[in-house]
PDB file of all heavy atoms in Angstrom:
ATOM      1  N   ALA A   1      44.101-162.404 107.753  1.00  0.00           N
ATOM      2  CA  ALA A   1      43.473-163.345 108.752  1.00  0.00           C
ATOM      3  C   ALA A   1      43.036-162.614 109.995  1.00  0.00           C
ATOM      4  O   ALA A   1      41.943-162.945 110.608  1.00  0.00           O
ATOM      5  CB  ALA A   1      44.435-164.425 109.080  1.00  0.00           C
ATOM      6  N   ALA A   2      43.859-161.526 110.531  1.00  0.00           N
ATOM      7  CA  ALA A   2      43.496-160.703 111.565  1.00  0.00           C
ATOM      8  C   ALA A   2      42.241-159.921 111.338  1.00  0.00           C
ATOM      9  O   ALA A   2      41.312-159.878 112.188  1.00  0.00           O
ATOM     10  CB  ALA A   2      44.639-159.827 111.940  1.00  0.00           C
ATOM     11  N   ASP A   3      41.977-159.514 110.071  1.00  0.00           N
ATOM     12  CA  ASP A   3      40.784-158.755 109.766  1.00  0.00           C
ATOM     13  C   ASP A   3      39.619-159.777 109.861  1.00  0.00           C
ATOM     14  O   ASP A   3      38.466-159.309 110.261  1.00  0.00           O
ATOM     15  CB  ASP A   3      40.843-158.234 108.285  1.00  0.00           C
ATOM     16  CG  ASP A   3      41.903-157.204 108.210  1.00  0.00           C
ATOM     17  OD1 ASP A   3      42.037-156.433 109.188  1.00  0.00           O
ATOM     18  OD2 ASP A   3      42.484-157.085 107.140  1.00  0.00           O
ATOM     19  N   THR A   4      39.756-160.999 109.539  1.00  0.00           N
ATOM     20  CA  THR A   4      38.758-161.894 109.524  1.00  0.00           C
ATOM     21  C   THR A   4      38.336-162.159 111.046  1.00  0.00           C
ATOM     22  O   THR A   4      37.055-162.336 111.340  1.00  0.00           O
ATOM     23  CB  THR A   4      39.180-163.334 108.905  1.00  0.00           C
ATOM     24  OG1 THR A   4      39.561-163.096 107.570  1.00  0.00           O
ATOM     25  CG2 THR A   4      38.132-164.433 109.052  1.00  0.00           C
ATOM     26  N   VAL A   5      39.247-162.233 111.907  1.00  0.00           N
ATOM     27  CA  VAL A   5      38.966-162.433 113.316  1.00  0.00           C
ATOM     28  C   VAL A   5      38.192-161.252 113.941  1.00  0.00           C
ATOM     29  O   VAL A   5      37.226-161.405 114.598  1.00  0.00           O
ATOM     30  CB  VAL A   5      40.222-162.699 114.152  1.00  0.00           C
ATOM     31  CG1 VAL A   5      39.924-163.005 115.508  1.00  0.00           C
ATOM     32  CG2 VAL A   5      40.992-163.940 113.576  1.00  0.00           C
ATOM     33  N   THR A   6      38.724-160.065 113.662  1.00  0.00           N
ATOM     34  CA  THR A   6      38.066-158.840 114.188  1.00  0.00           C
ATOM     35  C   THR A   6      36.554-158.694 113.527  1.00  0.00           C
ATOM     36  O   THR A   6      35.581-158.248 114.259  1.00  0.00           O
ATOM     37  CB  THR A   6      38.723-157.604 113.974  1.00  0.00           C
ATOM     38  OG1 THR A   6      39.133-157.464 112.508  1.00  0.00           O
ATOM     39  CG2 THR A   6      40.126-157.731 114.731  1.00  0.00           C
ATOM     40  N   ALA A   7      36.469-159.116 112.300  1.00  0.00           N
ATOM     41  CA  ALA A   7      35.174-159.056 111.708  1.00  0.00           C
ATOM     42  C   ALA A   7      34.174-160.035 112.318  1.00  0.00           C
ATOM     43  O   ALA A   7      32.921-159.886 112.320  1.00  0.00           O
ATOM     44  CB  ALA A   7      35.230-159.373 110.149  1.00  0.00           C
ATOM     45  N   ALA A   8      34.694-161.074 112.965  1.00  0.00           N
ATOM     46  CA  ALA A   8      33.830-162.035 113.659  1.00  0.00           C
ATOM     47  C   ALA A   8      33.562-161.593 115.092  1.00  0.00           C
ATOM     48  O   ALA A   8      32.818-162.323 115.824  1.00  0.00           O
ATOM     49  CB  ALA A   8      34.557-163.393 113.661  1.00  0.00           C
ATOM     50  N   GLY A   9      33.934-160.315 115.394  1.00  0.00           N
ATOM     51  CA  GLY A   9      33.587-159.829 116.671  1.00  0.00           C
ATOM     52  C   GLY A   9      34.599-159.820 117.781  1.00  0.00           C
ATOM     53  O   GLY A   9      34.268-159.343 118.928  1.00  0.00           O
ATOM     54  N   TYR A  10      35.779-160.283 117.456  1.00  0.00           N
ATOM     55  CA  TYR A  10      36.881-160.424 118.500  1.00  0.00           C
ATOM     56  C   TYR A  10      37.659-159.090 118.454  1.00  0.00           C
ATOM     57  O   TYR A  10      37.771-158.445 117.400  1.00  0.00           O
ATOM     58  CB  TYR A  10      37.840-161.580 118.266  1.00  0.00           C
ATOM     59  CG  TYR A  10      37.134-162.976 118.400  1.00  0.00           C
ATOM     60  CD1 TYR A  10      36.530-163.592 117.404  1.00  0.00           C
ATOM     61  CD2 TYR A  10      37.018-163.521 119.648  1.00  0.00           C
ATOM     62  CE1 TYR A  10      35.868-164.721 117.534  1.00  0.00           C
ATOM     63  CE2 TYR A  10      36.408-164.742 119.836  1.00  0.00           C
ATOM     64  CZ  TYR A  10      35.825-165.350 118.786  1.00  0.00           C
ATOM     65  OH  TYR A  10      35.208-166.529 118.966  1.00  0.00           O
ATOM     66  N   ILE A  11      38.201-158.710 119.597  1.00  0.00           N
ATOM     67  CA  ILE A  11      38.875-157.499 119.752  1.00  0.00           C
ATOM     68  C   ILE A  11      40.390-157.733 119.832  1.00  0.00           C
ATOM     69  O   ILE A  11      40.956-158.629 120.551  1.00  0.00           O
ATOM     70  CB  ILE A  11      38.423-156.768 121.026  1.00  0.00           C
ATOM     71  CG1 ILE A  11      36.992-156.449 121.003  1.00  0.00           C
ATOM     72  CG2 ILE A  11      39.283-155.532 121.282  1.00  0.00           C
ATOM     73  CD1 ILE A  11      36.470-156.022 122.390  1.00  0.00           C
ATOM     74  N   ASP A  12      41.116-156.975 118.890  1.00  0.00           N
ATOM     75  CA  ASP A  12      42.604-157.090 118.981  1.00  0.00           C
ATOM     76  C   ASP A  12      43.147-156.391 120.164  1.00  0.00           C
ATOM     77  O   ASP A  12      42.984-155.140 120.280  1.00  0.00           O
ATOM     78  CB  ASP A  12      43.129-156.447 117.666  1.00  0.00           C
ATOM     79  CG  ASP A  12      44.595-156.444 117.596  1.00  0.00           C
ATOM     80  OD1 ASP A  12      45.267-156.863 118.549  1.00  0.00           O
ATOM     81  OD2 ASP A  12      45.163-155.935 116.587  1.00  0.00           O
ATOM     82  N   VAL A  13      43.631-157.035 121.141  1.00  0.00           N
ATOM     83  CA  VAL A  13      43.984-156.465 122.464  1.00  0.00           C
ATOM     84  C   VAL A  13      44.904-155.319 122.331  1.00  0.00           C
ATOM     85  O   VAL A  13      44.706-154.245 123.035  1.00  0.00           O
ATOM     86  CB  VAL A  13      44.523-157.577 123.361  1.00  0.00           C
ATOM     87  CG1 VAL A  13      45.141-156.980 124.712  1.00  0.00           C
ATOM     88  CG2 VAL A  13      43.397-158.579 123.772  1.00  0.00           C
ATOM     89  N   VAL A  14      45.880-155.356 121.487  1.00  0.00           N
ATOM     90  CA  VAL A  14      46.893-154.333 121.388  1.00  0.00           C
ATOM     91  C   VAL A  14      46.341-153.186 120.505  1.00  0.00           C
ATOM     92  O   VAL A  14      46.903-152.088 120.592  1.00  0.00           O
ATOM     93  CB  VAL A  14      48.232-154.888 120.898  1.00  0.00           C
ATOM     94  CG1 VAL A  14      48.234-155.061 119.405  1.00  0.00           C
ATOM     95  CG2 VAL A  14      49.372-153.807 121.161  1.00  0.00           C
ATOM     96  N   GLY A  15      45.397-153.397 119.677  1.00  0.00           N
ATOM     97  CA  GLY A  15      44.808-152.328 118.980  1.00  0.00           C
ATOM     98  C   GLY A  15      45.586-151.910 117.659  1.00  0.00           C
ATOM     99  O   GLY A  15      45.840-150.705 117.594  1.00  0.00           O
ATOM    100  N   ASN A  16      45.751-152.767 116.809  1.00  0.00           N
ATOM    101  CA  ASN A  16      46.529-152.465 115.524  1.00  0.00           C
ATOM    102  C   ASN A  16      45.608-151.647 114.718  1.00  0.00           C
ATOM    103  O   ASN A  16      44.379-151.955 114.413  1.00  0.00           O
ATOM    104  CB  ASN A  16      46.855-153.702 114.820  1.00  0.00           C
ATOM    105  CG  ASN A  16      47.970-154.484 115.409  1.00  0.00           C
ATOM    106  OD1 ASN A  16      49.115-153.992 115.540  1.00  0.00           O
ATOM    107  ND2 ASN A  16      47.784-155.683 115.978  1.00  0.00           N
ATOM    108  N   ASP A  17      46.078-150.497 114.224  1.00  0.00           N
ATOM    109  CA  ASP A  17      45.393-149.537 113.499  1.00  0.00           C
ATOM    110  C   ASP A  17      45.454-149.807 111.963  1.00  0.00           C
ATOM    111  O   ASP A  17      46.543-149.682 111.407  1.00  0.00           O
ATOM    112  CB  ASP A  17      45.840-148.098 113.700  1.00  0.00           C
ATOM    113  CG  ASP A  17      44.936-146.987 113.229  1.00  0.00           C
ATOM    114  OD1 ASP A  17      44.118-147.309 112.382  1.00  0.00           O
ATOM    115  OD2 ASP A  17      45.108-145.884 113.578  1.00  0.00           O
ATOM    116  N   ARG A  18      44.293-150.234 111.367  1.00  0.00           N
ATOM    117  CA  ARG A  18      44.262-150.579 109.940  1.00  0.00           C
ATOM    118  C   ARG A  18      43.672-149.449 109.154  1.00  0.00           C
ATOM    119  O   ARG A  18      43.426-149.552 107.971  1.00  0.00           O
ATOM    120  CB  ARG A  18      43.442-151.777 109.756  1.00  0.00           C
ATOM    121  CG  ARG A  18      44.056-153.108 110.355  1.00  0.00           C
ATOM    122  CD  ARG A  18      45.064-153.715 109.325  1.00  0.00           C
ATOM    123  NE  ARG A  18      44.398-154.415 108.253  1.00  0.00           N
ATOM    124  CZ  ARG A  18      45.117-154.737 107.159  1.00  0.00           C
ATOM    125  NH1 ARG A  18      46.365-154.355 107.013  1.00  0.00           N
ATOM    126  NH2 ARG A  18      44.435-155.353 106.158  1.00  0.00           N
ATOM    127  N   SER A  19      43.346-148.253 109.731  1.00  0.00           N
ATOM    128  CA  SER A  19      42.626-147.267 109.150  1.00  0.00           C
ATOM    129  C   SER A  19      43.571-146.248 108.393  1.00  0.00           C
ATOM    130  O   SER A  19      43.229-145.466 107.526  1.00  0.00           O
ATOM    131  CB  SER A  19      41.884-146.408 110.082  1.00  0.00           C
ATOM    132  OG  SER A  19      42.627-145.721 111.035  1.00  0.00           O
ATOM    133  N   LEU A  20      44.960-146.349 108.579  1.00  0.00           N
ATOM    134  CA  LEU A  20      45.830-145.366 108.091  1.00  0.00           C
ATOM    135  C   LEU A  20      46.928-146.168 107.326  1.00  0.00           C
ATOM    136  O   LEU A  20      47.224-147.274 107.599  1.00  0.00           O
ATOM    137  CB  LEU A  20      46.413-144.507 109.116  1.00  0.00           C
ATOM    138  CG  LEU A  20      45.509-143.598 109.955  1.00  0.00           C
ATOM    139  CD1 LEU A  20      46.325-142.880 111.080  1.00  0.00           C
ATOM    140  CD2 LEU A  20      44.872-142.555 108.976  1.00  0.00           C
ATOM    141  N   ARG A  21      47.564-145.419 106.443  1.00  0.00           N
ATOM    142  CA  ARG A  21      48.796-145.960 105.863  1.00  0.00           C
ATOM    143  C   ARG A  21      50.063-145.273 106.322  1.00  0.00           C
ATOM    144  O   ARG A  21      49.868-144.281 107.097  1.00  0.00           O
ATOM    145  CB  ARG A  21      48.686-145.710 104.282  1.00  0.00           C
ATOM    146  CG  ARG A  21      47.513-146.405 103.631  1.00  0.00           C
ATOM    147  CD  ARG A  21      47.653-148.008 103.638  1.00  0.00           C
ATOM    148  NE  ARG A  21      46.668-148.734 103.036  1.00  0.00           N
ATOM    149  CZ  ARG A  21      45.674-149.135 103.710  1.00  0.00           C
ATOM    150  NH1 ARG A  21      45.609-149.069 104.976  1.00  0.00           N
ATOM    151  NH2 ARG A  21      44.790-149.870 103.043  1.00  0.00           N
ATOM    152  N   ALA A  22      51.092-145.687 105.899  1.00  0.00           N
ATOM    153  CA  ALA A  22      52.481-145.115 106.439  1.00  0.00           C
ATOM    154  C   ALA A  22      52.581-143.666 106.045  1.00  0.00           C
ATOM    155  O   ALA A  22      52.180-143.281 104.931  1.00  0.00           O
ATOM    156  CB  ALA A  22      53.626-145.877 105.889  1.00  0.00           C
ATOM    157  N   SER A  23      53.083-142.899 107.098  1.00  0.00           N
ATOM    158  CA  SER A  23      53.198-141.511 106.721  1.00  0.00           C
ATOM    159  C   SER A  23      54.233-140.875 107.690  1.00  0.00           C
ATOM    160  O   SER A  23      54.650-141.530 108.683  1.00  0.00           O
ATOM    161  CB  SER A  23      51.892-140.710 106.910  1.00  0.00           C
ATOM    162  OG  SER A  23      51.552-140.590 108.345  1.00  0.00           O
ATOM    163  N   GLY A  24      54.716-139.648 107.435  1.00  0.00           N
ATOM    164  CA  GLY A  24      55.729-139.083 108.293  1.00  0.00           C
ATOM    165  C   GLY A  24      55.174-138.806 109.741  1.00  0.00           C
ATOM    166  O   GLY A  24      56.000-138.519 110.547  1.00  0.00           O
ATOM    167  N   SER A  25      54.037-138.826 110.001  1.00  0.00           N
ATOM    168  CA  SER A  25      53.468-138.636 111.295  1.00  0.00           C
ATOM    169  C   SER A  25      53.067-139.912 112.009  1.00  0.00           C
ATOM    170  O   SER A  25      52.245-139.951 112.963  1.00  0.00           O
ATOM    171  CB  SER A  25      52.166-137.737 111.227  1.00  0.00           C
ATOM    172  OG  SER A  25      51.147-138.400 110.490  1.00  0.00           O
ATOM    173  N   ALA A  26      53.763-140.970 111.699  1.00  0.00           N
ATOM    174  CA  ALA A  26      53.683-142.283 112.296  1.00  0.00           C
ATOM    175  C   ALA A  26      52.611-143.198 111.600  1.00  0.00           C
ATOM    176  O   ALA A  26      52.653-144.426 111.684  1.00  0.00           O
ATOM    177  CB  ALA A  26      53.454-142.237 113.707  1.00  0.00           C
ATOM    178  N   GLY A  27      51.625-142.545 111.012  1.00  0.00           N
ATOM    179  CA  GLY A  27      50.656-143.320 110.151  1.00  0.00           C
ATOM    180  C   GLY A  27      50.112-144.488 110.990  1.00  0.00           C
ATOM    181  O   GLY A  27      49.696-144.337 112.046  1.00  0.00           O
ATOM    182  N   TRP A  28      50.077-145.614 110.324  1.00  0.00           N
ATOM    183  CA  TRP A  28      49.454-146.724 110.951  1.00  0.00           C
ATOM    184  C   TRP A  28      50.314-147.462 112.018  1.00  0.00           C
ATOM    185  O   TRP A  28      50.054-148.484 112.477  1.00  0.00           O
ATOM    186  CB  TRP A  28      48.962-147.753 109.945  1.00  0.00           C
ATOM    187  CG  TRP A  28      49.904-148.323 109.049  1.00  0.00           C
ATOM    188  CD1 TRP A  28      51.247-148.142 108.970  1.00  0.00           C
ATOM    189  CD2 TRP A  28      49.609-149.133 107.856  1.00  0.00           C
ATOM    190  NE1 TRP A  28      51.813-148.871 107.890  1.00  0.00           N
ATOM    191  CE2 TRP A  28      50.780-149.440 107.272  1.00  0.00           C
ATOM    192  CE3 TRP A  28      48.396-149.728 107.434  1.00  0.00           C
ATOM    193  CZ2 TRP A  28      50.864-150.313 106.146  1.00  0.00           C
ATOM    194  CZ3 TRP A  28      48.506-150.567 106.309  1.00  0.00           C
ATOM    195  CH2 TRP A  28      49.568-150.844 105.655  1.00  0.00           C
ATOM    196  N   CYS A  29      51.427-146.784 112.426  1.00  0.00           N
ATOM    197  CA  CYS A  29      52.201-147.195 113.659  1.00  0.00           C
ATOM    198  C   CYS A  29      51.265-146.801 114.818  1.00  0.00           C
ATOM    199  O   CYS A  29      51.467-147.479 115.912  1.00  0.00           O
ATOM    200  CB  CYS A  29      53.512-146.534 113.731  1.00  0.00           C
ATOM    201  SG  CYS A  29      54.736-147.038 112.629  1.00  0.00           S
ATOM    202  N   ARG A  30      50.329-146.033 114.667  1.00  0.00           N
ATOM    203  CA  ARG A  30      49.507-145.548 115.836  1.00  0.00           C
ATOM    204  C   ARG A  30      48.734-146.658 116.310  1.00  0.00           C
ATOM    205  O   ARG A  30      48.197-147.617 115.602  1.00  0.00           O
ATOM    206  CB  ARG A  30      48.532-144.429 115.314  1.00  0.00           C
ATOM    207  CG  ARG A  30      47.663-143.857 116.445  1.00  0.00           C
ATOM    208  CD  ARG A  30      46.646-142.887 115.825  1.00  0.00           C
ATOM    209  NE  ARG A  30      45.660-143.625 115.138  1.00  0.00           N
ATOM    210  CZ  ARG A  30      44.612-143.024 114.526  1.00  0.00           C
ATOM    211  NH1 ARG A  30      44.480-141.750 114.555  1.00  0.00           N
ATOM    212  NH2 ARG A  30      43.700-143.764 113.886  1.00  0.00           N
TER     213      ARG A  30
END
């Protein structure tokens, strides 16, 4: 649902990173 909102042009204020997967270097915790 969050992807649906950002696709509609709204900005996720905290900036959740959906581009990466979990990894030892923090991954999508970034």
